[in-house]
Protein backbone atom coordinates (compact mmCIF):
# COMPACT_ATOMS: atom_id res chain seq x y z
CA MET A 1 6.91 24.19 -16.34
CA GLN A 2 4.28 24.66 -19.07
CA LYS A 3 7.04 25.00 -21.69
CA ILE A 4 8.65 21.77 -20.53
CA ILE A 5 5.33 19.89 -20.74
CA LEU A 6 4.71 21.34 -24.22
CA ILE A 7 8.16 20.24 -25.40
CA LEU A 8 7.55 16.72 -24.08
CA ILE A 9 4.20 16.51 -25.82
CA LEU A 10 5.64 17.70 -29.12
CA ALA A 11 8.64 15.38 -28.79
CA THR A 12 6.47 12.34 -28.24
CA SER A 13 3.55 13.15 -30.51
CA PHE A 14 5.60 11.95 -33.49
CA ASN A 15 6.90 8.89 -31.65
CA ALA A 16 5.35 5.64 -32.85
CA TYR A 17 6.06 4.07 -29.46
CA SER A 18 4.21 6.68 -27.40
CA TYR A 19 1.32 5.18 -25.41
CA VAL A 20 -0.17 5.15 -21.91
CA ASP A 21 -0.36 2.17 -19.54
CA LEU A 22 -2.94 2.54 -16.75
CA ASN A 23 -2.89 -0.04 -13.97
CA LEU A 24 -5.44 -0.39 -11.17
CA SER A 25 -5.00 -2.93 -8.39
CA TYR A 26 -6.51 -3.94 -5.06
CA THR A 27 -4.92 -5.64 -2.06
CA PHE A 28 -6.57 -7.43 0.84
CA SER A 29 -5.26 -9.54 3.69
CA GLU A 30 -6.66 -10.69 7.02
CA ARG A 31 -5.03 -12.34 10.02
CA ARG A 32 -6.77 -13.78 13.07
CA ILE A 33 -5.09 -14.42 16.42
CA GLU A 34 -7.16 -16.24 19.04
CA ALA A 35 -6.70 -15.76 22.76
CA THR A 36 -5.09 -18.58 24.74
CA ASP A 37 -6.29 -20.13 27.98
CA THR A 38 -4.20 -20.92 31.04
CA SER A 39 -2.96 -24.15 29.46
CA GLY A 40 -1.69 -22.27 26.41
CA ASN A 41 -4.33 -23.56 24.00
CA SER A 42 -6.22 -21.30 21.60
CA ASN A 43 -9.69 -20.39 22.82
CA PRO A 44 -11.77 -18.02 20.64
CA ASP A 45 -14.32 -17.72 23.47
CA LEU A 46 -11.73 -15.60 25.31
CA GLY A 47 -11.45 -13.16 22.41
CA VAL A 48 -9.94 -12.74 18.96
CA ALA A 49 -7.67 -10.14 17.37
CA ILE A 50 -8.37 -9.52 13.67
CA SER A 51 -5.86 -7.54 11.63
CA THR A 52 -7.12 -6.45 8.21
CA THR A 53 -5.28 -4.63 5.43
CA ARG A 54 -7.10 -3.10 2.46
CA GLY A 55 -5.53 -1.00 -0.26
CA VAL A 56 -5.98 0.46 -3.73
CA THR A 57 -3.24 1.46 -6.15
CA ALA A 58 -3.23 3.37 -9.43
CA ASN A 59 -0.19 3.54 -11.73
CA TRP A 60 -0.14 5.77 -14.82
CA ALA A 61 2.83 5.29 -17.14
CA TRP A 62 3.44 7.34 -20.27
CA TYR A 63 5.83 5.50 -22.58
CA ILE A 64 7.83 8.20 -24.30
CA TRP A 65 10.12 5.55 -25.81
CA GLU A 66 9.49 1.91 -26.64
CA TYR A 67 10.72 0.57 -23.29
CA THR A 68 10.92 3.67 -21.07
CA ALA A 69 8.05 5.56 -19.44
CA LEU A 70 7.38 8.43 -17.10
CA GLU A 71 5.41 6.96 -14.19
CA PHE A 72 3.01 8.51 -11.69
CA ASN A 73 1.40 6.45 -8.96
CA TYR A 74 -0.94 6.73 -6.01
CA SER A 75 -1.81 4.22 -3.31
CA GLU A 76 -3.95 4.29 -0.21
CA THR A 77 -3.89 1.55 2.43
CA ASP A 78 -5.91 1.04 5.62
CA GLN A 79 -4.58 -1.24 8.35
CA ILE A 80 -7.34 -2.07 10.84
CA LEU A 81 -6.95 -3.93 14.12
CA LYS A 82 -9.95 -5.14 16.14
CA ASP A 83 -8.91 -6.88 19.33
CA ASN A 84 -11.37 -8.02 22.02
CA ARG A 85 -8.94 -10.15 24.01
CA GLN A 86 -9.23 -8.75 27.51
CA VAL A 87 -6.09 -7.70 29.36
CA VAL A 88 -6.07 -6.82 33.07
CA ASP A 89 -3.54 -4.46 34.64
CA SER A 90 -2.97 -5.94 38.11
CA VAL A 91 -1.60 -2.66 39.46
CA SER A 92 -4.37 -0.25 38.45
CA GLY A 93 -7.17 -2.78 38.20
CA ILE A 94 -8.05 -1.49 34.72
CA THR A 95 -9.23 -4.02 32.14
CA ILE A 96 -8.64 -3.36 28.45
CA LYS A 97 -11.75 -4.91 26.91
CA LYS A 98 -11.42 -3.81 23.28
CA VAL A 99 -8.91 -2.12 21.01
CA ASN A 100 -9.86 -0.64 17.63
CA SER A 101 -6.97 0.83 15.66
CA LEU A 102 -6.65 2.37 12.21
CA VAL A 103 -3.45 3.33 10.40
CA LYS A 104 -3.92 5.02 7.03
CA THR A 105 -1.00 5.21 4.62
CA VAL A 106 -0.96 7.27 1.42
CA VAL A 107 1.88 7.18 -1.10
CA GLN A 108 2.19 9.61 -4.03
CA GLY A 109 5.06 8.90 -6.39
CA ALA A 110 6.69 9.93 -9.65
CA GLY A 111 9.57 8.22 -11.41
CA ILE A 112 10.84 6.22 -14.36
CA ARG A 113 9.64 2.80 -15.52
CA GLN A 114 11.87 0.55 -17.63
CA SER A 115 10.35 -2.44 -19.42
CA PHE A 116 12.33 -5.38 -20.73
CA ALA A 117 10.00 -6.61 -23.48
CA ASN A 118 7.90 -5.17 -26.26
CA ARG A 119 4.36 -4.23 -25.25
CA LYS A 120 3.00 -6.91 -27.63
CA SER A 121 4.89 -9.66 -25.77
CA ALA A 122 2.99 -12.28 -23.78
CA ILE A 123 4.88 -11.32 -20.60
CA VAL A 124 6.38 -7.89 -19.94
CA PRO A 125 8.67 -7.50 -16.89
CA SER A 126 9.36 -3.96 -15.67
CA ILE A 127 11.13 -2.10 -12.90
CA SER A 128 10.36 1.39 -11.59
CA ILE A 129 12.24 3.80 -9.35
CA GLY A 130 11.48 7.33 -8.25
CA TYR A 131 10.50 9.83 -5.59
CA ALA A 132 7.54 9.31 -3.27
CA LYS A 133 5.74 11.27 -0.58
CA LEU A 134 4.65 8.98 2.26
CA ILE A 135 1.82 10.18 4.50
CA THR A 136 0.62 8.31 7.61
CA SER A 137 -2.26 9.05 9.98
CA GLY A 138 -4.80 7.20 12.11
CA ASP A 139 -6.31 6.70 15.55
CA THR A 140 -6.74 4.11 18.30
CA ARG A 141 -9.80 3.63 20.52
CA TYR A 142 -9.70 1.68 23.78
CA THR A 143 -12.69 0.34 25.68
CA LEU A 144 -11.65 0.17 29.33
CA SER A 145 -13.31 -1.07 32.48
CA GLN A 146 -12.57 -0.20 36.11
CA ALA A 147 -14.64 -1.03 39.16
CA GLY A 148 -17.50 -2.20 36.95
CA THR A 149 -17.62 1.01 34.89
CA ASP A 150 -16.82 1.03 31.16
CA TYR A 151 -15.40 4.04 29.36
CA GLU A 152 -13.58 4.82 26.12
CA VAL A 153 -10.27 6.50 25.46
CA SER A 154 -9.33 7.75 21.96
CA LEU A 155 -5.81 8.56 20.83
CA LEU A 156 -5.25 10.41 17.56
CA ARG A 157 -2.16 9.49 15.59
CA ASP A 158 -0.24 12.55 14.39
CA LYS A 159 -0.14 12.98 10.63
CA GLU A 160 3.41 12.43 9.40
CA VAL A 161 4.86 13.21 5.98
CA PHE A 162 8.10 11.62 4.74
CA ASN A 163 10.12 12.46 1.65
CA SER A 164 10.92 9.00 0.34
CA GLY A 165 12.05 6.86 -2.55
CA TYR A 166 10.26 3.90 -4.08
CA ALA A 167 11.14 0.90 -6.22
CA SER A 168 8.90 -1.73 -7.78
CA PHE A 169 9.01 -4.82 -9.97
CA SER A 170 6.06 -5.93 -12.06
CA LEU A 171 5.05 -8.71 -14.44
CA ALA A 172 2.33 -7.96 -16.99
CA PHE A 173 0.60 -10.92 -18.66
CA ARG A 174 -1.14 -10.13 -21.92
CA ILE A 175 -4.88 -10.98 -22.01
CA THR A 176 -5.93 -9.03 -25.08
CA GLN A 177 -4.28 -6.44 -27.28
CA LEU A 178 -5.16 -3.68 -24.80
CA VAL A 179 -5.64 -5.48 -21.46
CA ARG A 180 -3.06 -7.15 -19.23
CA LEU A 181 -3.00 -8.81 -15.84
CA THR A 182 -0.28 -7.14 -13.74
CA LEU A 183 1.37 -8.48 -10.58
CA MET A 184 3.58 -6.09 -8.63
CA ALA A 185 5.95 -5.95 -5.66
CA LYS A 186 6.74 -2.47 -4.35
CA THR A 187 8.74 -0.98 -1.52
CA VAL A 188 8.79 2.57 -0.17
CA VAL A 189 11.89 3.90 1.63
CA PRO A 190 10.87 6.57 4.19
CA ASP A 191 13.41 9.39 4.47
CA PHE A 192 15.55 7.36 2.02
CA LYS A 193 16.63 5.02 4.85
CA THR A 194 17.45 1.85 2.93
CA GLU A 195 17.19 -0.33 6.04
CA GLU A 196 13.44 0.45 6.09
CA ALA A 197 12.85 -0.96 2.61
CA LYS A 198 12.06 -4.48 3.86
CA ASN A 199 9.49 -3.07 6.32
CA ASN A 200 7.41 -1.37 3.62
CA LEU A 201 6.89 -4.12 1.05
CA THR A 202 3.50 -4.50 -0.61
CA TYR A 203 2.26 -7.04 -3.15
CA SER A 204 -0.68 -6.40 -5.44
CA GLY A 205 -2.46 -7.64 -8.52
CA GLY A 206 -4.81 -6.01 -10.99
CA LEU A 207 -5.60 -5.12 -14.57
CA SER A 208 -3.84 -2.62 -16.80
CA TRP A 209 -5.05 -0.95 -19.97
CA MET A 210 -2.97 0.46 -22.82
CA PHE A 211 -4.18 3.33 -24.99
């Protein structure tokens, strides 16, 4: 492995096109769903469910040729659900008063990036494909009530690891000679099941630096 890395370094050290593109981005979204009353109208006094997604992504691309780069990426996303809409089980008499859930997703990837414009262009479109390791974990906490007594139940989500593929499309808008604004759409395909691609789409925006 060390010999391969050394050969790559020597092969690209004399390449006028060799440079690094580092992109950092942040994603955030929030959705609120209000409880409904008996007439079917929204009533926040009866509770609200708030679903929040926060994520950070880092992409490191080493352009070994003018338009082609080796790419390494890392992303971490937290999906948080806070739901205080009360639900009563008529059979057991248990009331679910609150639900707090966290799903953490980590993606580590390596692949090839192909650009379709010179790095000095005002807009640089690119596509990337490669291998990714998808890791999911999390937990869910319930606040329950029965016969006037409140108690909590916690369920731990098993950590799962999937060998996967990824593909992304990005548009980089030049701000200065070294800084660009980058918008990206990316999908991860767990266990290489292509039908899951549409269920793992993420959109992000951030800055990238070339050096």
